[in-house]
C-alpha atoms as a PDB file:
ATOM      1  CA  MET A   1     -91.393-206.716  19.457  1.00  0.00           C
ATOM      2  CA  ARG A   2     -88.306-204.895  20.562  1.00  0.00           C
ATOM      3  CA  HIS A   3     -90.137-201.505  20.476  1.00  0.00           C
ATOM      4  CA  TYR A   4     -92.896-202.963  22.737  1.00  0.00           C
ATOM      5  CA  GLU A   5     -90.293-204.071  25.290  1.00  0.00           C
ATOM      6  CA  SER A   6     -88.711-200.682  25.183  1.00  0.00           C
ATOM      7  CA  SER A   7     -92.105-199.056  25.750  1.00  0.00           C
ATOM      8  CA  MET A   8     -92.769-201.185  28.771  1.00  0.00           C
ATOM      9  CA  ARG A   9     -89.422-200.129  30.295  1.00  0.00           C
ATOM     10  CA  THR A  10     -90.151-196.531  29.488  1.00  0.00           C
ATOM     11  CA  ASN A  11     -93.357-196.613  31.465  1.00  0.00           C
ATOM     12  CA  SER A  12     -92.074-198.781  34.270  1.00  0.00           C
ATOM     13  CA  THR A  13     -90.675-195.949  36.476  1.00  0.00           C
ATOM     14  CA  VAL A  14     -93.992-194.145  36.388  1.00  0.00           C
ATOM     15  CA  ASP A  15     -95.861-197.398  37.052  1.00  0.00           C
ATOM     16  CA  GLN A  16     -93.595-198.135  39.953  1.00  0.00           C
ATOM     17  CA  ALA A  17     -94.060-194.651  41.389  1.00  0.00           C
ATOM     18  CA  GLN A  18     -97.840-194.956  41.227  1.00  0.00           C
ATOM     19  CA  ASP A  19     -97.662-198.438  42.693  1.00  0.00           C
ATOM     20  CA  SER A  20     -95.444-197.132  45.497  1.00  0.00           C
ATOM     21  CA  ALA A  21     -97.829-194.261  46.164  1.00  0.00           C
ATOM     22  CA  GLN A  22    -100.719-196.700  46.383  1.00  0.00           C
ATOM     23  CA  LYS A  23     -98.792-198.975  48.759  1.00  0.00           C
ATOM     24  CA  LEU A  24     -98.030-195.863  50.812  1.00  0.00           C
ATOM     25  CA  HIS A  25    -101.726-195.030  50.932  1.00  0.00           C
ATOM     26  CA  ASN A  26    -102.457-198.566  52.107  1.00  0.00           C
ATOM     27  CA  ALA A  27     -99.715-198.427  54.803  1.00  0.00           C
ATOM     28  CA  VAL A  28    -100.879-195.039  56.073  1.00  0.00           C
ATOM     29  CA  THR A  29    -104.541-196.245  56.176  1.00  0.00           C
ATOM     30  CA  GLN A  30    -103.393-199.237  58.180  1.00  0.00           C
ATOM     31  CA  ALA A  31    -101.356-197.057  60.536  1.00  0.00           C
ATOM     32  CA  MET A  32    -104.360-194.831  61.095  1.00  0.00           C
ATOM     33  CA  SER A  33    -106.543-197.852  61.880  1.00  0.00           C
ATOM     34  CA  HIS A  34    -103.913-199.487  64.138  1.00  0.00           C
ATOM     35  CA  PRO A  35    -101.492-196.782  65.273  1.00  0.00           C
ATOM     36  CA  THR A  36     -98.915-198.982  66.832  1.00  0.00           C
ATOM     37  CA  GLU A  37     -95.264-198.042  66.715  1.00  0.00           C
ATOM     38  CA  LYS A  38     -94.453-200.964  64.366  1.00  0.00           C
ATOM     39  CA  VAL A  39     -97.226-200.151  61.895  1.00  0.00           C
ATOM     40  CA  ILE A  40     -96.353-196.417  61.849  1.00  0.00           C
ATOM     41  CA  GLU A  41     -92.697-197.347  61.238  1.00  0.00           C
ATOM     42  CA  GLN A  42     -93.788-199.536  58.298  1.00  0.00           C
ATOM     43  CA  ALA A  43     -95.754-196.556  56.927  1.00  0.00           C
ATOM     44  CA  GLU A  44     -92.702-194.373  57.239  1.00  0.00           C
ATOM     45  CA  ASN A  45     -90.551-196.946  55.452  1.00  0.00           C
ATOM     46  CA  SER A  46     -93.199-197.021  52.729  1.00  0.00           C
ATOM     47  CA  LEU A  47     -93.039-193.225  52.478  1.00  0.00           C
ATOM     48  CA  GLU A  48     -89.261-193.362  51.949  1.00  0.00           C
ATOM     49  CA  HIS A  49     -89.683-195.960  49.203  1.00  0.00           C
ATOM     50  CA  ALA A  50     -92.428-193.969  47.478  1.00  0.00           C
ATOM     51  CA  GLU A  51     -90.318-190.794  47.616  1.00  0.00           C
ATOM     52  CA  ARG A  52     -87.440-192.559  45.885  1.00  0.00           C
ATOM     53  CA  ALA A  53     -89.642-194.161  43.288  1.00  0.00           C
ATOM     54  CA  ILE A  54     -91.400-190.852  42.517  1.00  0.00           C
ATOM     55  CA  LYS A  55     -88.068-189.047  42.337  1.00  0.00           C
ATOM     56  CA  HIS A  56     -87.048-191.383  39.545  1.00  0.00           C
ATOM     57  CA  ALA A  57     -90.471-191.491  37.776  1.00  0.00           C
ATOM     58  CA  PRO A  58     -89.641-188.632  35.366  1.00  0.00           C
ATOM     59  CA  GLU A  59     -86.742-190.601  33.928  1.00  0.00           C
ATOM     60  CA  GLY A  60     -89.125-193.073  32.320  1.00  0.00           C
ATOM     61  CA  SER A  61     -92.113-190.887  31.718  1.00  0.00           C
ATOM     62  CA  VAL A  62     -93.311-189.801  28.298  1.00  0.00           C
ATOM     63  CA  GLN A  63     -93.731-186.028  28.577  1.00  0.00           C
ATOM     64  CA  GLY A  64     -94.278-186.389  32.301  1.00  0.00           C
ATOM     65  CA  HIS A  65     -97.478-188.388  31.982  1.00  0.00           C
ATOM     66  CA  GLY A  66     -98.477-190.021  35.285  1.00  0.00           C
ATOM     67  CA  VAL A  67     -95.775-188.315  37.308  1.00  0.00           C
ATOM     68  CA  ASP A  68     -98.052-185.526  38.532  1.00  0.00           C
ATOM     69  CA  LEU A  69    -100.632-188.020  39.829  1.00  0.00           C
ATOM     70  CA  ALA A  70     -97.977-189.971  41.743  1.00  0.00           C
ATOM     71  CA  GLU A  71     -96.609-186.672  43.241  1.00  0.00           C
ATOM     72  CA  GLU A  72    -100.092-185.609  44.312  1.00  0.00           C
ATOM     73  CA  MET A  73    -100.689-188.992  45.975  1.00  0.00           C
ATOM     74  CA  LEU A  74     -97.362-188.703  47.740  1.00  0.00           C
ATOM     75  CA  GLU A  75     -98.098-185.265  49.153  1.00  0.00           C
ATOM     76  CA  GLU A  76    -101.566-186.335  50.386  1.00  0.00           C
ATOM     77  CA  GLU A  77    -100.159-189.336  52.159  1.00  0.00           C
ATOM     78  CA  LYS A  78     -97.380-187.250  53.693  1.00  0.00           C
ATOM     79  CA  LYS A  79    -100.021-185.050  55.167  1.00  0.00           C
ATOM     80  CA  ARG A  80    -102.027-188.024  56.504  1.00  0.00           C
ATOM     81  CA  LEU A  81     -98.858-189.586  58.036  1.00  0.00           C
ATOM     82  CA  SER A  82     -97.767-186.341  59.553  1.00  0.00           C
ATOM     83  CA  SER A  83    -101.201-185.833  61.220  1.00  0.00           C
ATOM     84  CA  LEU A  84    -100.914-189.366  62.613  1.00  0.00           C
ATOM     85  CA  ASN A  85     -97.414-188.713  63.957  1.00  0.00           C
ATOM     86  CA  LYS A  86     -98.654-185.508  65.655  1.00  0.00           C
ATOM     87  CA  GLN A  87    -101.403-187.505  67.410  1.00  0.00           C
ATOM     88  CA  GLU A  88     -98.857-190.084  68.644  1.00  0.00           C
ATOM     89  CA  HIS A  89     -96.447-187.484  70.206  1.00  0.00           C
END
């Protein structure tokens, strides 16, 4: 049982990073649909959170599994949010 609990913690940073990237995707999609200042700010806050989570993901990964996917998702959402910010200004 103890080994299982340890395994769950080991994978949790990667899971959190992927969850954060998914939440970022949802926030950016929402901002693109309703580009109000408040919604864009929420997406930017989500971006900061995802960046922190992904930065820590390798600490709990097993041979880097899952980290690349989270990083790819982050980069894609950064591009989407950047294009939205350019439209706003």
